[in-house]
Amino acid sequence: MTVSTPAPEIPTLRPDDAETYAAWFACLAEPTRVRLLHAIASRPGTSGVGELAAALGIGQPTVSHHLRKLAEVGFVTTAKEGTSTRVAINPACCTGLPHAADAVMGLLASRPCCPTDLPADVSVRAMEPADFGAVRRIYAEGIATGDATFETRVPGTEALDAKWLKEHRWVAQIDGEVVGWAALAPASTREVYAGVAENSLYVGEGARGRGVGKALIHKQVTAADAGGLWTLQTSIFPENKPSLALHRSAGFRTLGVRERIARHRGVWRDTVMLERRRDDGCGPADGCHPAG
């Protein structure tokens, strides 16, 4: 008997999001509006209709017509100052419009929660004070690769203990031996960023390739989700391809590359910035509408 495999579900945009995005793109299908929006967004403060007409070399009635169209979808705001009209960019569209393009192109599609093919012989538990010796040894092995961190020396136990969130530090074991660790540190001391953390994950030299990283990152991201953290972020050297693949398997997406961000052992190095957002089921345009 042949067992058919169900076809993978095709992701779709919510109808209201698609309608909103279509209106934005339709508005920008006119080149003059694109030029106007660029001129308004590139200039600090507000602009007058006459100033925009002079800058673009077109008549004021034409500018006024296109500004009305831009205002209808929320790209710009207008206000009367005496007998003149001042125009400003709607700050929400600076993020909303790129967000819409990403959503339509599938870059915001649901990403995996975490690896599912976890090794049976690797266990993960909370890090304890007695583990710091093994943790620092594994940290040193990571530093020795030259592609794990900008650090050149292992921080002391007190520094690590003070840096990491108490409830988000883990060790992986094989046959009772600590072979890897993962921890989260606050991204900022400001209260508004209380749910944002930066992750670290290291696997001991002798245990690499055995799924230790998968077990650690699975525990790390699921515990972060359950613990109320909404964003995890990290920076990885582009040469560290195993780490990049591991993080992407856990739902991290690439935000960009910071070129020549710092010197490491006398050489300028790039880093890839990645971020994982907790999936709370919000639609792609929630809170992002320029008209909202």
C-alpha atoms as a PDB file:
ATOM      1  CA  MET A   1       0.000   0.000   0.000  1.00  0.00           C
ATOM      2  CA  THR A   2       1.287   3.421  -0.907  1.00  0.00           C
ATOM      3  CA  VAL A   3       1.017   6.064   1.788  1.00  0.00           C
ATOM      4  CA  SER A   4       0.761   9.543   0.409  1.00  0.00           C
ATOM      5  CA  THR A   5       2.521  12.359   2.218  1.00  0.00           C
ATOM      6  CA  PRO A   6       0.357  15.419   2.822  1.00  0.00           C
ATOM      7  CA  ALA A   7       1.475  18.422   0.855  1.00  0.00           C
ATOM      8  CA  PRO A   8       3.071  21.095   3.035  1.00  0.00           C
ATOM      9  CA  GLU A   9       0.719  23.865   4.030  1.00  0.00           C
ATOM     10  CA  ILE A  10       1.120  27.000   1.931  1.00  0.00           C
ATOM     11  CA  PRO A  11       1.522  30.113   4.103  1.00  0.00           C
ATOM     12  CA  THR A  12      -0.862  32.938   3.296  1.00  0.00           C
ATOM     13  CA  LEU A  13      -1.247  36.587   4.239  1.00  0.00           C
ATOM     14  CA  ARG A  14      -4.308  37.631   6.172  1.00  0.00           C
ATOM     15  CA  PRO A  15      -6.854  39.226   3.773  1.00  0.00           C
ATOM     16  CA  ASP A  16      -6.862  42.543   5.629  1.00  0.00           C
ATOM     17  CA  ASP A  17      -3.051  42.719   5.533  1.00  0.00           C
ATOM     18  CA  ALA A  18      -3.044  41.934   1.805  1.00  0.00           C
ATOM     19  CA  GLU A  19      -5.631  44.661   1.189  1.00  0.00           C
ATOM     20  CA  THR A  20      -3.600  47.212   3.147  1.00  0.00           C
ATOM     21  CA  TYR A  21      -0.328  46.332   1.438  1.00  0.00           C
ATOM     22  CA  ALA A  22      -1.960  46.433  -2.010  1.00  0.00           C
ATOM     23  CA  ALA A  23      -3.192  49.963  -1.309  1.00  0.00           C
ATOM     24  CA  TRP A  24       0.310  51.052  -0.319  1.00  0.00           C
ATOM     25  CA  PHE A  25       1.936  49.558  -3.389  1.00  0.00           C
ATOM     26  CA  ALA A  26      -0.780  50.946  -5.688  1.00  0.00           C
ATOM     27  CA  CYS A  27      -0.191  54.416  -4.283  1.00  0.00           C
ATOM     28  CA  LEU A  28       3.518  54.120  -5.023  1.00  0.00           C
ATOM     29  CA  ALA A  29       2.941  52.899  -8.588  1.00  0.00           C
ATOM     30  CA  GLU A  30       3.161  56.548  -9.676  1.00  0.00           C
ATOM     31  CA  PRO A  31       6.814  57.699  -9.996  1.00  0.00           C
ATOM     32  CA  THR A  32       6.058  61.269  -8.935  1.00  0.00           C
ATOM     33  CA  ARG A  33       4.677  60.011  -5.622  1.00  0.00           C
ATOM     34  CA  VAL A  34       7.801  57.966  -5.071  1.00  0.00           C
ATOM     35  CA  ARG A  35       9.917  61.064  -5.651  1.00  0.00           C
ATOM     36  CA  LEU A  36       7.705  63.119  -3.355  1.00  0.00           C
ATOM     37  CA  LEU A  37       7.796  60.536  -0.567  1.00  0.00           C
ATOM     38  CA  HIS A  38      11.570  60.336  -0.826  1.00  0.00           C
ATOM     39  CA  ALA A  39      11.927  64.113  -0.678  1.00  0.00           C
ATOM     40  CA  ILE A  40       9.660  64.385   2.364  1.00  0.00           C
ATOM     41  CA  ALA A  41      11.264  61.457   4.211  1.00  0.00           C
ATOM     42  CA  SER A  42      14.813  62.649   3.509  1.00  0.00           C
ATOM     43  CA  ARG A  43      14.252  66.123   4.919  1.00  0.00           C
ATOM     44  CA  PRO A  44      14.066  66.713   8.665  1.00  0.00           C
ATOM     45  CA  GLY A  45      10.965  68.462   9.937  1.00  0.00           C
ATOM     46  CA  THR A  46       8.184  69.555   7.603  1.00  0.00           C
ATOM     47  CA  SER A  47       8.101  70.740   4.004  1.00  0.00           C
ATOM     48  CA  GLY A  48       5.859  73.218   2.242  1.00  0.00           C
ATOM     49  CA  VAL A  49       4.023  72.429  -0.966  1.00  0.00           C
ATOM     50  CA  GLY A  50       5.879  75.221  -2.764  1.00  0.00           C
ATOM     51  CA  GLU A  51       9.241  73.947  -1.525  1.00  0.00           C
ATOM     52  CA  LEU A  52       8.469  70.431  -2.778  1.00  0.00           C
ATOM     53  CA  ALA A  53       7.273  71.761  -6.148  1.00  0.00           C
ATOM     54  CA  ALA A  54      10.494  73.730  -6.599  1.00  0.00           C
ATOM     55  CA  ALA A  55      12.673  70.800  -5.532  1.00  0.00           C
ATOM     56  CA  LEU A  56      11.014  68.367  -7.945  1.00  0.00           C
ATOM     57  CA  GLY A  57      10.453  70.840 -10.756  1.00  0.00           C
ATOM     58  CA  ILE A  58       6.706  70.262 -11.023  1.00  0.00           C
ATOM     59  CA  GLY A  59       3.647  72.459 -10.479  1.00  0.00           C
ATOM     60  CA  GLN A  60       2.082  73.025  -7.090  1.00  0.00           C
ATOM     61  CA  PRO A  61      -1.339  71.661  -8.171  1.00  0.00           C
ATOM     62  CA  THR A  62       0.354  68.403  -9.199  1.00  0.00           C
ATOM     63  CA  VAL A  63       2.207  68.217  -5.883  1.00  0.00           C
ATOM     64  CA  SER A  64      -1.018  68.837  -3.959  1.00  0.00           C
ATOM     65  CA  HIS A  65      -2.805  66.090  -5.886  1.00  0.00           C
ATOM     66  CA  HIS A  66      -0.131  63.490  -5.167  1.00  0.00           C
ATOM     67  CA  LEU A  67       0.188  64.560  -1.541  1.00  0.00           C
ATOM     68  CA  ARG A  68      -3.514  63.860  -1.053  1.00  0.00           C
ATOM     69  CA  LYS A  69      -2.977  60.345  -2.377  1.00  0.00           C
ATOM     70  CA  LEU A  70       0.013  59.800  -0.074  1.00  0.00           C
ATOM     71  CA  ALA A  71      -1.962  61.112   2.892  1.00  0.00           C
ATOM     72  CA  GLU A  72      -4.934  58.831   2.133  1.00  0.00           C
ATOM     73  CA  VAL A  73      -2.868  55.704   2.757  1.00  0.00           C
ATOM     74  CA  GLY A  74      -1.039  57.254   5.691  1.00  0.00           C
ATOM     75  CA  PHE A  75       2.445  57.788   4.266  1.00  0.00           C
ATOM     76  CA  VAL A  76       2.437  61.506   5.098  1.00  0.00           C
ATOM     77  CA  THR A  77       0.643  63.883   7.431  1.00  0.00           C
ATOM     78  CA  THR A  78      -0.428  67.407   6.563  1.00  0.00           C
ATOM     79  CA  ALA A  79      -1.127  70.398   8.771  1.00  0.00           C
ATOM     80  CA  LYS A  80      -2.164  73.979   8.123  1.00  0.00           C
ATOM     81  CA  GLU A  81       0.172  76.755   9.246  1.00  0.00           C
ATOM     82  CA  GLY A  82      -1.583  79.988   8.453  1.00  0.00           C
ATOM     83  CA  THR A  83      -2.394  79.906   4.763  1.00  0.00           C
ATOM     84  CA  SER A  84       0.221  77.254   3.882  1.00  0.00           C
ATOM     85  CA  THR A  85       0.195  73.474   4.211  1.00  0.00           C
ATOM     86  CA  ARG A  86       3.123  71.726   5.850  1.00  0.00           C
ATOM     87  CA  VAL A  87       3.840  68.091   5.070  1.00  0.00           C
ATOM     88  CA  ALA A  88       5.721  65.552   7.207  1.00  0.00           C
ATOM     89  CA  ILE A  89       6.526  61.888   6.910  1.00  0.00           C
ATOM     90  CA  ASN A  90       4.454  59.530   9.036  1.00  0.00           C
ATOM     91  CA  PRO A  91       7.159  57.839  11.158  1.00  0.00           C
ATOM     92  CA  ALA A  92       5.212  54.570  11.218  1.00  0.00           C
ATOM     93  CA  CYS A  93       5.635  54.132   7.473  1.00  0.00           C
ATOM     94  CA  CYS A  94       9.417  54.121   7.821  1.00  0.00           C
ATOM     95  CA  THR A  95       9.043  50.668   9.390  1.00  0.00           C
ATOM     96  CA  GLY A  96       5.626  49.699   8.085  1.00  0.00           C
ATOM     97  CA  LEU A  97       6.515  49.883   4.395  1.00  0.00           C
ATOM     98  CA  PRO A  98       9.703  47.756   4.626  1.00  0.00           C
ATOM     99  CA  HIS A  99       7.755  45.378   6.874  1.00  0.00           C
ATOM    100  CA  ALA A 100       5.097  45.022   4.168  1.00  0.00           C
ATOM    101  CA  ALA A 101       7.714  44.214   1.515  1.00  0.00           C
ATOM    102  CA  ASP A 102       9.275  41.582   3.792  1.00  0.00           C
ATOM    103  CA  ALA A 103       5.866  40.055   4.515  1.00  0.00           C
ATOM    104  CA  VAL A 104       4.882  39.832   0.861  1.00  0.00           C
ATOM    105  CA  MET A 105       8.233  38.291  -0.095  1.00  0.00           C
ATOM    106  CA  GLY A 106       7.909  35.635   2.602  1.00  0.00           C
ATOM    107  CA  LEU A 107      10.748  36.893   4.770  1.00  0.00           C
ATOM    108  CA  LEU A 108       8.427  37.067   7.781  1.00  0.00           C
ATOM    109  CA  ALA A 109       6.967  33.605   7.326  1.00  0.00           C
ATOM    110  CA  SER A 110       6.869  31.440  10.409  1.00  0.00           C
ATOM    111  CA  ARG A 111      10.272  30.034  11.227  1.00  0.00           C
ATOM    112  CA  PRO A 112      10.978  26.838  13.153  1.00  0.00           C
ATOM    113  CA  CYS A 113      10.686  26.985  16.908  1.00  0.00           C
ATOM    114  CA  CYS A 114      13.764  24.870  17.448  1.00  0.00           C
ATOM    115  CA  PRO A 115      15.477  21.671  16.291  1.00  0.00           C
ATOM    116  CA  THR A 116      13.381  18.517  16.592  1.00  0.00           C
ATOM    117  CA  ASP A 117      16.000  15.835  15.939  1.00  0.00           C
ATOM    118  CA  LEU A 118      17.496  15.981  19.436  1.00  0.00           C
ATOM    119  CA  PRO A 119      20.158  13.448  20.447  1.00  0.00           C
ATOM    120  CA  ALA A 120      18.997  10.810  22.909  1.00  0.00           C
ATOM    121  CA  ASP A 121      22.302  10.704  24.802  1.00  0.00           C
ATOM    122  CA  VAL A 122      22.457  14.440  25.603  1.00  0.00           C
ATOM    123  CA  SER A 123      20.660  15.835  28.643  1.00  0.00           C
ATOM    124  CA  VAL A 124      20.287  19.507  29.523  1.00  0.00           C
ATOM    125  CA  ARG A 125      19.845  20.912  33.014  1.00  0.00           C
ATOM    126  CA  ALA A 126      20.133  24.228  34.813  1.00  0.00           C
ATOM    127  CA  MET A 127      23.683  25.463  35.347  1.00  0.00           C
ATOM    128  CA  GLU A 128      24.919  25.215  38.934  1.00  0.00           C
ATOM    129  CA  PRO A 129      27.795  27.029  40.678  1.00  0.00           C
ATOM    130  CA  ALA A 130      29.865  23.849  40.585  1.00  0.00           C
ATOM    131  CA  ASP A 131      29.667  23.837  36.782  1.00  0.00           C
ATOM    132  CA  PHE A 132      31.642  27.036  36.271  1.00  0.00           C
ATOM    133  CA  GLY A 133      34.966  25.225  36.020  1.00  0.00           C
ATOM    134  CA  ALA A 134      33.728  23.124  33.098  1.00  0.00           C
ATOM    135  CA  VAL A 135      31.901  26.110  31.595  1.00  0.00           C
ATOM    136  CA  ARG A 136      35.055  28.213  31.581  1.00  0.00           C
ATOM    137  CA  ARG A 137      37.080  25.326  30.117  1.00  0.00           C
ATOM    138  CA  ILE A 138      34.593  24.945  27.246  1.00  0.00           C
ATOM    139  CA  TYR A 139      34.585  28.727  26.803  1.00  0.00           C
ATOM    140  CA  ALA A 140      38.391  28.607  26.403  1.00  0.00           C
ATOM    141  CA  GLU A 141      38.060  25.887  23.769  1.00  0.00           C
ATOM    142  CA  GLY A 142      35.669  28.117  21.857  1.00  0.00           C
ATOM    143  CA  ILE A 143      38.048  31.085  22.074  1.00  0.00           C
ATOM    144  CA  ALA A 144      40.835  28.900  20.726  1.00  0.00           C
ATOM    145  CA  THR A 145      38.965  28.335  17.453  1.00  0.00           C
ATOM    146  CA  GLY A 146      39.278  32.042  16.631  1.00  0.00           C
ATOM    147  CA  ASP A 147      35.739  32.130  15.228  1.00  0.00           C
ATOM    148  CA  ALA A 148      33.539  31.971  18.322  1.00  0.00           C
ATOM    149  CA  THR A 149      33.917  35.330  20.057  1.00  0.00           C
ATOM    150  CA  PHE A 150      35.829  38.586  20.204  1.00  0.00           C
ATOM    151  CA  GLU A 151      36.989  37.561  23.669  1.00  0.00           C
ATOM    152  CA  THR A 152      40.643  36.526  23.866  1.00  0.00           C
ATOM    153  CA  ARG A 153      40.557  35.483  27.518  1.00  0.00           C
ATOM    154  CA  VAL A 154      37.929  33.631  29.507  1.00  0.00           C
ATOM    155  CA  PRO A 155      36.047  35.981  31.850  1.00  0.00           C
ATOM    156  CA  GLY A 156      36.174  35.139  35.530  1.00  0.00           C
ATOM    157  CA  THR A 157      33.448  33.219  37.309  1.00  0.00           C
ATOM    158  CA  GLU A 158      32.153  36.294  39.120  1.00  0.00           C
ATOM    159  CA  ALA A 159      31.920  38.258  35.878  1.00  0.00           C
ATOM    160  CA  LEU A 160      30.001  35.481  34.141  1.00  0.00           C
ATOM    161  CA  ASP A 161      27.703  34.975  37.097  1.00  0.00           C
ATOM    162  CA  ALA A 162      26.894  38.685  37.190  1.00  0.00           C
ATOM    163  CA  LYS A 163      26.364  38.891  33.425  1.00  0.00           C
ATOM    164  CA  TRP A 164      23.941  36.026  32.820  1.00  0.00           C
ATOM    165  CA  LEU A 165      20.268  35.806  33.723  1.00  0.00           C
ATOM    166  CA  LYS A 166      19.941  33.410  36.656  1.00  0.00           C
ATOM    167  CA  GLU A 167      17.005  31.481  35.206  1.00  0.00           C
ATOM    168  CA  HIS A 168      18.419  31.210  31.668  1.00  0.00           C
ATOM    169  CA  ARG A 169      21.722  29.372  31.970  1.00  0.00           C
ATOM    170  CA  TRP A 170      22.068  25.721  31.008  1.00  0.00           C
ATOM    171  CA  VAL A 171      24.617  22.937  30.680  1.00  0.00           C
ATOM    172  CA  ALA A 172      24.508  19.862  28.460  1.00  0.00           C
ATOM    173  CA  GLN A 173      25.780  16.509  29.679  1.00  0.00           C
ATOM    174  CA  ILE A 174      26.807  13.220  28.123  1.00  0.00           C
ATOM    175  CA  ASP A 175      27.308  10.352  30.586  1.00  0.00           C
ATOM    176  CA  GLY A 176      27.348  12.844  33.438  1.00  0.00           C
ATOM    177  CA  GLU A 177      30.064  15.050  31.919  1.00  0.00           C
ATOM    178  CA  VAL A 178      29.397  18.701  31.082  1.00  0.00           C
ATOM    179  CA  VAL A 179      30.033  19.048  27.334  1.00  0.00           C
ATOM    180  CA  GLY A 180      28.405  22.379  26.524  1.00  0.00           C
ATOM    181  CA  TRP A 181      26.597  25.379  27.907  1.00  0.00           C
ATOM    182  CA  ALA A 182      24.211  28.125  26.908  1.00  0.00           C
ATOM    183  CA  ALA A 183      23.256  31.362  28.649  1.00  0.00           C
ATOM    184  CA  LEU A 184      21.301  34.560  28.100  1.00  0.00           C
ATOM    185  CA  ALA A 185      22.395  38.044  29.113  1.00  0.00           C
ATOM    186  CA  PRO A 186      20.169  41.144  29.221  1.00  0.00           C
ATOM    187  CA  ALA A 187      20.524  43.204  26.056  1.00  0.00           C
ATOM    188  CA  SER A 188      20.014  46.397  28.062  1.00  0.00           C
ATOM    189  CA  THR A 189      19.483  47.569  31.618  1.00  0.00           C
ATOM    190  CA  ARG A 190      16.518  49.712  30.527  1.00  0.00           C
ATOM    191  CA  GLU A 191      13.160  48.389  31.692  1.00  0.00           C
ATOM    192  CA  VAL A 192      11.562  48.620  28.240  1.00  0.00           C
ATOM    193  CA  TYR A 193      14.042  46.010  26.987  1.00  0.00           C
ATOM    194  CA  ALA A 194      13.377  43.567  29.835  1.00  0.00           C
ATOM    195  CA  GLY A 195      12.246  40.926  27.346  1.00  0.00           C
ATOM    196  CA  VAL A 196      15.275  41.209  25.069  1.00  0.00           C
ATOM    197  CA  ALA A 197      18.337  39.042  25.686  1.00  0.00           C
ATOM    198  CA  GLU A 198      21.585  38.124  23.953  1.00  0.00           C
ATOM    199  CA  ASN A 199      22.481  34.477  23.747  1.00  0.00           C
ATOM    200  CA  SER A 200      25.741  32.575  24.059  1.00  0.00           C
ATOM    201  CA  LEU A 201      26.208  28.879  23.300  1.00  0.00           C
ATOM    202  CA  TYR A 202      29.381  26.805  23.371  1.00  0.00           C
ATOM    203  CA  VAL A 203      30.082  23.113  22.798  1.00  0.00           C
ATOM    204  CA  GLY A 204      33.202  21.408  24.086  1.00  0.00           C
ATOM    205  CA  GLU A 205      35.837  20.429  21.550  1.00  0.00           C
ATOM    206  CA  GLY A 206      35.401  16.694  22.098  1.00  0.00           C
ATOM    207  CA  ALA A 207      31.612  16.762  21.831  1.00  0.00           C
ATOM    208  CA  ARG A 208      31.109  18.707  18.610  1.00  0.00           C
ATOM    209  CA  GLY A 209      29.012  17.072  15.918  1.00  0.00           C
ATOM    210  CA  ARG A 210      26.952  15.054  18.400  1.00  0.00           C
ATOM    211  CA  GLY A 211      23.891  17.288  18.578  1.00  0.00           C
ATOM    212  CA  VAL A 212      24.871  19.038  21.797  1.00  0.00           C
ATOM    213  CA  GLY A 213      24.193  22.447  20.269  1.00  0.00           C
ATOM    214  CA  LYS A 214      20.736  21.323  19.154  1.00  0.00           C
ATOM    215  CA  ALA A 215      19.851  20.149  22.650  1.00  0.00           C
ATOM    216  CA  LEU A 216      21.104  23.381  24.218  1.00  0.00           C
ATOM    217  CA  ILE A 217      19.405  25.779  21.832  1.00  0.00           C
ATOM    218  CA  HIS A 218      16.141  23.818  22.095  1.00  0.00           C
ATOM    219  CA  LYS A 219      16.172  24.285  25.857  1.00  0.00           C
ATOM    220  CA  GLN A 220      17.305  27.888  25.572  1.00  0.00           C
ATOM    221  CA  VAL A 221      14.602  29.115  23.195  1.00  0.00           C
ATOM    222  CA  THR A 222      11.722  27.139  24.702  1.00  0.00           C
ATOM    223  CA  ALA A 223      12.649  28.358  28.193  1.00  0.00           C
ATOM    224  CA  ALA A 224      12.938  31.926  26.881  1.00  0.00           C
ATOM    225  CA  ASP A 225       9.495  31.695  25.295  1.00  0.00           C
ATOM    226  CA  ALA A 226       7.991  30.303  28.497  1.00  0.00           C
ATOM    227  CA  GLY A 227       9.854  32.859  30.611  1.00  0.00           C
ATOM    228  CA  GLY A 228       8.370  35.911  28.881  1.00  0.00           C
ATOM    229  CA  LEU A 229      11.357  36.918  26.750  1.00  0.00           C
ATOM    230  CA  TRP A 230      10.118  38.167  23.384  1.00  0.00           C
ATOM    231  CA  THR A 231      13.402  38.702  21.526  1.00  0.00           C
ATOM    232  CA  LEU A 232      16.695  36.829  21.477  1.00  0.00           C
ATOM    233  CA  GLN A 233      19.615  38.285  19.552  1.00  0.00           C
ATOM    234  CA  THR A 234      23.151  37.287  18.769  1.00  0.00           C
ATOM    235  CA  SER A 235      26.166  38.245  16.653  1.00  0.00           C
ATOM    236  CA  ILE A 236      28.174  35.508  14.927  1.00  0.00           C
ATOM    237  CA  PHE A 237      31.281  35.603  12.772  1.00  0.00           C
ATOM    238  CA  PRO A 238      30.290  34.737   9.160  1.00  0.00           C
ATOM    239  CA  GLU A 239      33.033  32.121   9.131  1.00  0.00           C
ATOM    240  CA  ASN A 240      31.250  30.227  11.929  1.00  0.00           C
ATOM    241  CA  LYS A 241      28.827  28.449   9.603  1.00  0.00           C
ATOM    242  CA  PRO A 242      27.821  25.675  12.057  1.00  0.00           C
ATOM    243  CA  SER A 243      26.680  28.284  14.571  1.00  0.00           C
ATOM    244  CA  LEU A 244      24.767  30.225  11.926  1.00  0.00           C
ATOM    245  CA  ALA A 245      22.991  27.041  10.806  1.00  0.00           C
ATOM    246  CA  LEU A 246      22.198  26.078  14.386  1.00  0.00           C
ATOM    247  CA  HIS A 247      20.628  29.428  15.186  1.00  0.00           C
ATOM    248  CA  ARG A 248      18.594  29.473  11.978  1.00  0.00           C
ATOM    249  CA  SER A 249      17.239  26.033  12.869  1.00  0.00           C
ATOM    250  CA  ALA A 250      15.887  27.610  16.056  1.00  0.00           C
ATOM    251  CA  GLY A 251      14.020  30.424  14.324  1.00  0.00           C
ATOM    252  CA  PHE A 252      16.721  33.114  14.238  1.00  0.00           C
ATOM    253  CA  ARG A 253      16.713  35.293  11.121  1.00  0.00           C
ATOM    254  CA  THR A 254      19.544  37.361   9.724  1.00  0.00           C
ATOM    255  CA  LEU A 255      19.111  41.100  10.261  1.00  0.00           C
ATOM    256  CA  GLY A 256      22.291  42.123   8.487  1.00  0.00           C
ATOM    257  CA  VAL A 257      26.061  42.090   8.452  1.00  0.00           C
ATOM    258  CA  ARG A 258      28.066  44.581  10.463  1.00  0.00           C
ATOM    259  CA  GLU A 259      31.165  45.049   8.339  1.00  0.00           C
ATOM    260  CA  ARG A 260      34.522  45.562  10.049  1.00  0.00           C
ATOM    261  CA  ILE A 261      32.761  46.139  13.347  1.00  0.00           C
ATOM    262  CA  ALA A 262      35.784  45.441  15.549  1.00  0.00           C
ATOM    263  CA  ARG A 263      39.355  44.180  15.509  1.00  0.00           C
ATOM    264  CA  HIS A 264      40.047  40.629  16.635  1.00  0.00           C
ATOM    265  CA  ARG A 265      43.651  39.576  17.121  1.00  0.00           C
ATOM    266  CA  GLY A 266      44.740  42.466  14.932  1.00  0.00           C
ATOM    267  CA  VAL A 267      42.266  41.785  12.106  1.00  0.00           C
ATOM    268  CA  TRP A 268      39.032  43.643  11.316  1.00  0.00           C
ATOM    269  CA  ARG A 269      36.114  41.210  11.525  1.00  0.00           C
ATOM    270  CA  ASP A 270      32.511  41.229  10.332  1.00  0.00           C
ATOM    271  CA  THR A 271      29.620  39.848  12.340  1.00  0.00           C
ATOM    272  CA  VAL A 272      26.222  38.571  11.251  1.00  0.00           C
ATOM    273  CA  MET A 273      23.400  39.917  13.411  1.00  0.00           C
ATOM    274  CA  LEU A 274      20.542  37.491  14.029  1.00  0.00           C
ATOM    275  CA  GLU A 275      17.294  37.803  15.945  1.00  0.00           C
ATOM    276  CA  ARG A 276      14.588  35.448  17.103  1.00  0.00           C
ATOM    277  CA  ARG A 277      11.133  36.818  17.920  1.00  0.00           C
ATOM    278  CA  ARG A 278       8.682  34.884  20.033  1.00  0.00           C
ATOM    279  CA  ASP A 279       5.653  33.935  17.945  1.00  0.00           C
ATOM    280  CA  ASP A 280       2.594  35.335  19.701  1.00  0.00           C
ATOM    281  CA  GLY A 281       0.325  34.840  16.716  1.00  0.00           C
ATOM    282  CA  CYS A 282       0.197  38.518  15.769  1.00  0.00           C
ATOM    283  CA  GLY A 283      -0.471  39.409  12.165  1.00  0.00           C
ATOM    284  CA  PRO A 284       2.397  40.932  10.179  1.00  0.00           C
ATOM    285  CA  ALA A 285       0.838  44.379  10.080  1.00  0.00           C
ATOM    286  CA  ASP A 286      -0.367  44.583  13.692  1.00  0.00           C
ATOM    287  CA  GLY A 287       0.815  47.866  15.110  1.00  0.00           C
ATOM    288  CA  CYS A 288       2.638  48.718  11.895  1.00  0.00           C
ATOM    289  CA  HIS A 289       0.013  50.427   9.757  1.00  0.00           C
ATOM    290  CA  PRO A 290       1.095  53.913   8.710  1.00  0.00           C
ATOM    291  CA  ALA A 291      -2.545  54.891   8.908  1.00  0.00           C
ATOM    292  CA  GLY A 292      -2.917  53.416  12.378  1.00  0.00           C
END
